[in-house]
Amino acid sequence: MRQLITTATQVGEILRGRRKARGVAQQELATKLGISQSRLSTLEAQPGDMNLERLLLLAKLLGLELVLQDKSEAKSTKSEW
């Protein structure tokens, strides 16, 4: 899966969807992150409150990775006429 992210809300939706797709309960994932289940629930709903280190760890635990690239690279993958 590769997805362009333009809002913090999208991050939360992706993380929540991935967690559910892998059959991982919030409590289980929260324990691995060292936070409460209610805090994880809040972070999924409001990911803008998440720090980068926690986002990177959460992505890793869900089998995801973050990639930053030049916008020009994304445009060059589209076919041109």
C-alpha atoms as a PDB file:
ATOM      1  CA  MET A   1       0.000   0.000   0.000  1.00  0.00           C
ATOM      2  CA  ARG A   2       1.280   3.453  -0.901  1.00  0.00           C
ATOM      3  CA  GLN A   3      -0.808   6.470  -0.013  1.00  0.00           C
ATOM      4  CA  LEU A   4      -0.330  10.210  -0.255  1.00  0.00           C
ATOM      5  CA  ILE A   5      -0.981  11.825   3.122  1.00  0.00           C
ATOM      6  CA  THR A   6      -2.256  15.388   3.171  1.00  0.00           C
ATOM      7  CA  THR A   7      -3.951  15.580   6.589  1.00  0.00           C
ATOM      8  CA  ALA A   8      -3.325  14.282  10.099  1.00  0.00           C
ATOM      9  CA  THR A   9      -6.757  12.652  10.055  1.00  0.00           C
ATOM     10  CA  GLN A  10      -5.643  10.403   7.203  1.00  0.00           C
ATOM     11  CA  VAL A  11      -2.773   9.143   9.349  1.00  0.00           C
ATOM     12  CA  GLY A  12      -5.170   8.105  12.089  1.00  0.00           C
ATOM     13  CA  GLU A  13      -7.477   6.376   9.616  1.00  0.00           C
ATOM     14  CA  ILE A  14      -4.594   4.453   8.073  1.00  0.00           C
ATOM     15  CA  LEU A  15      -3.172   3.380  11.435  1.00  0.00           C
ATOM     16  CA  ARG A  16      -6.582   2.326  12.776  1.00  0.00           C
ATOM     17  CA  GLY A  17      -7.398   0.458   9.557  1.00  0.00           C
ATOM     18  CA  ARG A  18      -4.060  -1.340   9.553  1.00  0.00           C
ATOM     19  CA  ARG A  19      -4.424  -2.300  13.221  1.00  0.00           C
ATOM     20  CA  LYS A  20      -7.882  -3.726  12.595  1.00  0.00           C
ATOM     21  CA  ALA A  21      -6.806  -5.513   9.410  1.00  0.00           C
ATOM     22  CA  ARG A  22      -4.047  -7.244  11.369  1.00  0.00           C
ATOM     23  CA  GLY A  23      -6.497  -8.214  14.124  1.00  0.00           C
ATOM     24  CA  VAL A  24      -4.639  -6.305  16.828  1.00  0.00           C
ATOM     25  CA  ALA A  25      -6.677  -4.971  19.756  1.00  0.00           C
ATOM     26  CA  GLN A  26      -6.078  -1.424  20.933  1.00  0.00           C
ATOM     27  CA  GLN A  27      -5.070  -2.708  24.375  1.00  0.00           C
ATOM     28  CA  GLU A  28      -2.434  -5.041  22.909  1.00  0.00           C
ATOM     29  CA  LEU A  29      -0.913  -2.319  20.754  1.00  0.00           C
ATOM     30  CA  ALA A  30      -1.097   0.253  23.538  1.00  0.00           C
ATOM     31  CA  THR A  31       0.819  -2.089  25.842  1.00  0.00           C
ATOM     32  CA  LYS A  32       3.588  -2.441  23.250  1.00  0.00           C
ATOM     33  CA  LEU A  33       3.722   1.349  22.952  1.00  0.00           C
ATOM     34  CA  GLY A  34       3.791   1.811  26.731  1.00  0.00           C
ATOM     35  CA  ILE A  35       0.585   3.874  26.791  1.00  0.00           C
ATOM     36  CA  SER A  36      -3.001   3.298  27.899  1.00  0.00           C
ATOM     37  CA  GLN A  37      -5.701   1.976  25.586  1.00  0.00           C
ATOM     38  CA  SER A  38      -7.614   5.227  25.941  1.00  0.00           C
ATOM     39  CA  ARG A  39      -4.539   7.230  24.887  1.00  0.00           C
ATOM     40  CA  LEU A  40      -4.129   5.046  21.784  1.00  0.00           C
ATOM     41  CA  SER A  41      -7.801   5.579  20.980  1.00  0.00           C
ATOM     42  CA  THR A  42      -7.270   9.340  21.236  1.00  0.00           C
ATOM     43  CA  LEU A  43      -4.173   9.192  19.026  1.00  0.00           C
ATOM     44  CA  GLU A  44      -6.046   7.237  16.357  1.00  0.00           C
ATOM     45  CA  ALA A  45      -8.810   9.858  16.424  1.00  0.00           C
ATOM     46  CA  GLN A  46      -6.488  12.870  16.740  1.00  0.00           C
ATOM     47  CA  PRO A  47      -3.101  11.843  15.329  1.00  0.00           C
ATOM     48  CA  GLY A  48      -1.930  15.455  15.179  1.00  0.00           C
ATOM     49  CA  ASP A  49      -1.208  15.122  18.914  1.00  0.00           C
ATOM     50  CA  MET A  50       1.273  12.269  18.289  1.00  0.00           C
ATOM     51  CA  ASN A  51       4.999  12.930  18.422  1.00  0.00           C
ATOM     52  CA  LEU A  52       7.244  11.670  15.630  1.00  0.00           C
ATOM     53  CA  GLU A  53       8.973   9.007  17.724  1.00  0.00           C
ATOM     54  CA  ARG A  54       5.639   7.466  18.713  1.00  0.00           C
ATOM     55  CA  LEU A  55       4.413   7.612  15.100  1.00  0.00           C
ATOM     56  CA  LEU A  56       7.537   5.819  13.885  1.00  0.00           C
ATOM     57  CA  LEU A  57       7.199   3.115  16.560  1.00  0.00           C
ATOM     58  CA  LEU A  58       3.500   2.673  15.877  1.00  0.00           C
ATOM     59  CA  ALA A  59       4.152   2.357  12.137  1.00  0.00           C
ATOM     60  CA  LYS A  60       6.866  -0.233  12.810  1.00  0.00           C
ATOM     61  CA  LEU A  61       4.614  -2.281  15.090  1.00  0.00           C
ATOM     62  CA  LEU A  62       1.957  -2.303  12.363  1.00  0.00           C
ATOM     63  CA  GLY A  63       4.417  -3.316   9.631  1.00  0.00           C
ATOM     64  CA  LEU A  64       4.426   0.114   7.997  1.00  0.00           C
ATOM     65  CA  GLU A  65       7.189   2.559   7.144  1.00  0.00           C
ATOM     66  CA  LEU A  66       7.185   6.286   6.517  1.00  0.00           C
ATOM     67  CA  VAL A  67       8.687   7.580   3.292  1.00  0.00           C
ATOM     68  CA  LEU A  68       9.310  11.208   2.391  1.00  0.00           C
ATOM     69  CA  GLN A  69      10.011  12.053  -1.219  1.00  0.00           C
ATOM     70  CA  ASP A  70      10.195  15.042  -3.522  1.00  0.00           C
ATOM     71  CA  LYS A  71       6.871  16.023  -5.055  1.00  0.00           C
ATOM     72  CA  SER A  72       8.539  15.902  -8.447  1.00  0.00           C
ATOM     73  CA  GLU A  73       9.153  12.161  -8.010  1.00  0.00           C
ATOM     74  CA  ALA A  74       5.454  11.538  -7.398  1.00  0.00           C
ATOM     75  CA  LYS A  75       4.515  13.502 -10.509  1.00  0.00           C
ATOM     76  CA  SER A  76       7.048  11.732 -12.710  1.00  0.00           C
ATOM     77  CA  THR A  77       5.396   8.354 -12.089  1.00  0.00           C
ATOM     78  CA  LYS A  78       2.251   9.489 -13.958  1.00  0.00           C
ATOM     79  CA  SER A  79       2.160   8.914 -17.676  1.00  0.00           C
ATOM     80  CA  GLU A  80       2.316  11.998 -19.858  1.00  0.00           C
ATOM     81  CA  TRP A  81       0.850  12.577 -23.333  1.00  0.00           C
END
